[in-house]
C-alpha atoms as a PDB file:
ATOM      1  CA  UNK A   1      -2.193 -14.262 -29.073  1.00  0.00           C
ATOM      2  CA  UNK A   2      -3.799 -11.134 -29.083  1.00  0.00           C
ATOM      3  CA  UNK A   3      -2.915  -7.742 -27.866  1.00  0.00           C
ATOM      4  CA  UNK A   4      -5.426  -5.797 -26.011  1.00  0.00           C
ATOM      5  CA  UNK A   5      -5.623  -2.362 -24.112  1.00  0.00           C
ATOM      6  CA  UNK A   6      -6.335  -2.140 -20.504  1.00  0.00           C
ATOM      7  CA  UNK A   7      -6.727   0.696 -18.224  1.00  0.00           C
ATOM      8  CA  UNK A   8      -5.514   0.457 -14.768  1.00  0.00           C
ATOM      9  CA  UNK A   9      -4.752   2.534 -11.932  1.00  0.00           C
ATOM     10  CA  UNK A  10      -1.124   4.080 -11.385  1.00  0.00           C
ATOM     11  CA  UNK A  11      -0.727   2.462  -7.969  1.00  0.00           C
ATOM     12  CA  UNK A  12      -1.482  -1.127  -9.417  1.00  0.00           C
ATOM     13  CA  UNK A  13       0.851  -0.636 -12.336  1.00  0.00           C
ATOM     14  CA  UNK A  14       3.573   0.500  -9.931  1.00  0.00           C
ATOM     15  CA  UNK A  15       3.036  -2.325  -7.716  1.00  0.00           C
ATOM     16  CA  UNK A  16       3.042  -4.581 -10.941  1.00  0.00           C
ATOM     17  CA  UNK A  17       6.228  -3.166 -12.247  1.00  0.00           C
ATOM     18  CA  UNK A  18       8.112  -3.772  -8.877  1.00  0.00           C
ATOM     19  CA  UNK A  19       6.786  -7.320  -8.595  1.00  0.00           C
ATOM     20  CA  UNK A  20       7.601  -8.197 -12.283  1.00  0.00           C
ATOM     21  CA  UNK A  21      10.986  -6.653 -11.708  1.00  0.00           C
ATOM     22  CA  UNK A  22      11.553  -9.039  -8.385  1.00  0.00           C
ATOM     23  CA  UNK A  23      10.096 -12.122 -10.533  1.00  0.00           C
ATOM     24  CA  UNK A  24      12.178 -11.380 -13.519  1.00  0.00           C
ATOM     25  CA  UNK A  25       9.312 -11.560 -15.911  1.00  0.00           C
ATOM     26  CA  UNK A  26       7.220  -9.090 -18.258  1.00  0.00           C
ATOM     27  CA  UNK A  27       4.144  -7.495 -17.230  1.00  0.00           C
ATOM     28  CA  UNK A  28       2.352  -9.466 -19.899  1.00  0.00           C
ATOM     29  CA  UNK A  29       3.380 -12.845 -18.698  1.00  0.00           C
ATOM     30  CA  UNK A  30       2.509 -11.558 -14.974  1.00  0.00           C
ATOM     31  CA  UNK A  31      -0.930 -10.419 -16.300  1.00  0.00           C
ATOM     32  CA  UNK A  32      -1.333 -13.794 -18.208  1.00  0.00           C
ATOM     33  CA  UNK A  33      -0.686 -15.661 -15.086  1.00  0.00           C
ATOM     34  CA  UNK A  34      -2.764 -13.384 -12.782  1.00  0.00           C
ATOM     35  CA  UNK A  35      -5.903 -13.792 -15.047  1.00  0.00           C
ATOM     36  CA  UNK A  36      -5.153 -17.628 -15.408  1.00  0.00           C
ATOM     37  CA  UNK A  37      -5.091 -17.715 -11.726  1.00  0.00           C
ATOM     38  CA  UNK A  38      -8.405 -15.506 -11.260  1.00  0.00           C
ATOM     39  CA  UNK A  39     -10.186 -17.814 -13.948  1.00  0.00           C
ATOM     40  CA  UNK A  40      -9.073 -20.741 -11.869  1.00  0.00           C
ATOM     41  CA  UNK A  41     -10.459 -19.510  -8.554  1.00  0.00           C
ATOM     42  CA  UNK A  42     -13.467 -18.290 -10.057  1.00  0.00           C
ATOM     43  CA  UNK A  43     -14.383 -21.950 -11.570  1.00  0.00           C
ATOM     44  CA  UNK A  44     -13.357 -23.504  -8.274  1.00  0.00           C
ATOM     45  CA  UNK A  45     -15.713 -21.157  -6.454  1.00  0.00           C
ATOM     46  CA  UNK A  46     -18.413 -21.968  -9.078  1.00  0.00           C
ATOM     47  CA  UNK A  47     -18.092 -25.679  -8.469  1.00  0.00           C
ATOM     48  CA  UNK A  48     -18.275 -25.309  -4.754  1.00  0.00           C
ATOM     49  CA  UNK A  49     -21.383 -23.254  -4.986  1.00  0.00           C
ATOM     50  CA  UNK A  50     -22.930 -25.985  -7.247  1.00  0.00           C
ATOM     51  CA  UNK A  51     -22.068 -28.658  -4.557  1.00  0.00           C
ATOM     52  CA  UNK A  52     -23.141 -26.591  -1.806  1.00  0.00           C
ATOM     53  CA  UNK A  53     -26.729 -26.127  -3.375  1.00  0.00           C
ATOM     54  CA  UNK A  54     -26.957 -29.822  -4.313  1.00  0.00           C
ATOM     55  CA  UNK A  55     -26.156 -31.064  -0.926  1.00  0.00           C
ATOM     56  CA  UNK A  56     -28.731 -28.264   0.338  1.00  0.00           C
ATOM     57  CA  UNK A  57     -31.323 -29.844  -2.055  1.00  0.00           C
ATOM     58  CA  UNK A  58     -30.313 -33.473  -0.992  1.00  0.00           C
ATOM     59  CA  UNK A  59     -28.456 -33.638   2.441  1.00  0.00           C
ATOM     60  CA  UNK A  60     -26.450 -36.504   3.611  1.00  0.00           C
ATOM     61  CA  UNK A  61     -28.499 -38.628   5.769  1.00  0.00           C
ATOM     62  CA  UNK A  62     -26.813 -39.859   8.955  1.00  0.00           C
ATOM     63  CA  UNK A  63     -27.234 -43.450   7.953  1.00  0.00           C
ATOM     64  CA  UNK A  64     -26.055 -43.012   4.411  1.00  0.00           C
ATOM     65  CA  UNK A  65     -22.202 -44.009   4.788  1.00  0.00           C
ATOM     66  CA  UNK A  66     -22.672 -46.125   8.126  1.00  0.00           C
ATOM     67  CA  UNK A  67     -23.062 -49.420   5.715  1.00  0.00           C
ATOM     68  CA  UNK A  68     -19.348 -49.039   4.813  1.00  0.00           C
ATOM     69  CA  UNK A  69     -18.084 -48.610   8.462  1.00  0.00           C
ATOM     70  CA  UNK A  70     -17.504 -52.224   8.678  1.00  0.00           C
ATOM     71  CA  UNK A  71     -15.406 -52.117   5.468  1.00  0.00           C
ATOM     72  CA  UNK A  72     -12.794 -49.603   6.773  1.00  0.00           C
ATOM     73  CA  UNK A  73      -9.755 -51.131   7.889  1.00  0.00           C
ATOM     74  CA  UNK A  74      -7.769 -48.304   9.985  1.00  0.00           C
ATOM     75  CA  UNK A  75      -4.708 -50.600  10.884  1.00  0.00           C
ATOM     76  CA  UNK A  76      -2.471 -50.470  13.765  1.00  0.00           C
END
């Protein structure tokens, strides 16, 4: 693990301190989890954008999936 230095607004530090106290964790653990969550969300957003661009380049045709309709079994 590396130690890094960050500059944060006082109100953000206060809010984090209150939350970590409630969660019974350290600032570092909270920050690590927050950064992991932010990276995960950024990756999801990137993939969604990539999929959107793909469908914009090659939209789904109306009949593209109709061939499978007879294969669907909805049950009773």
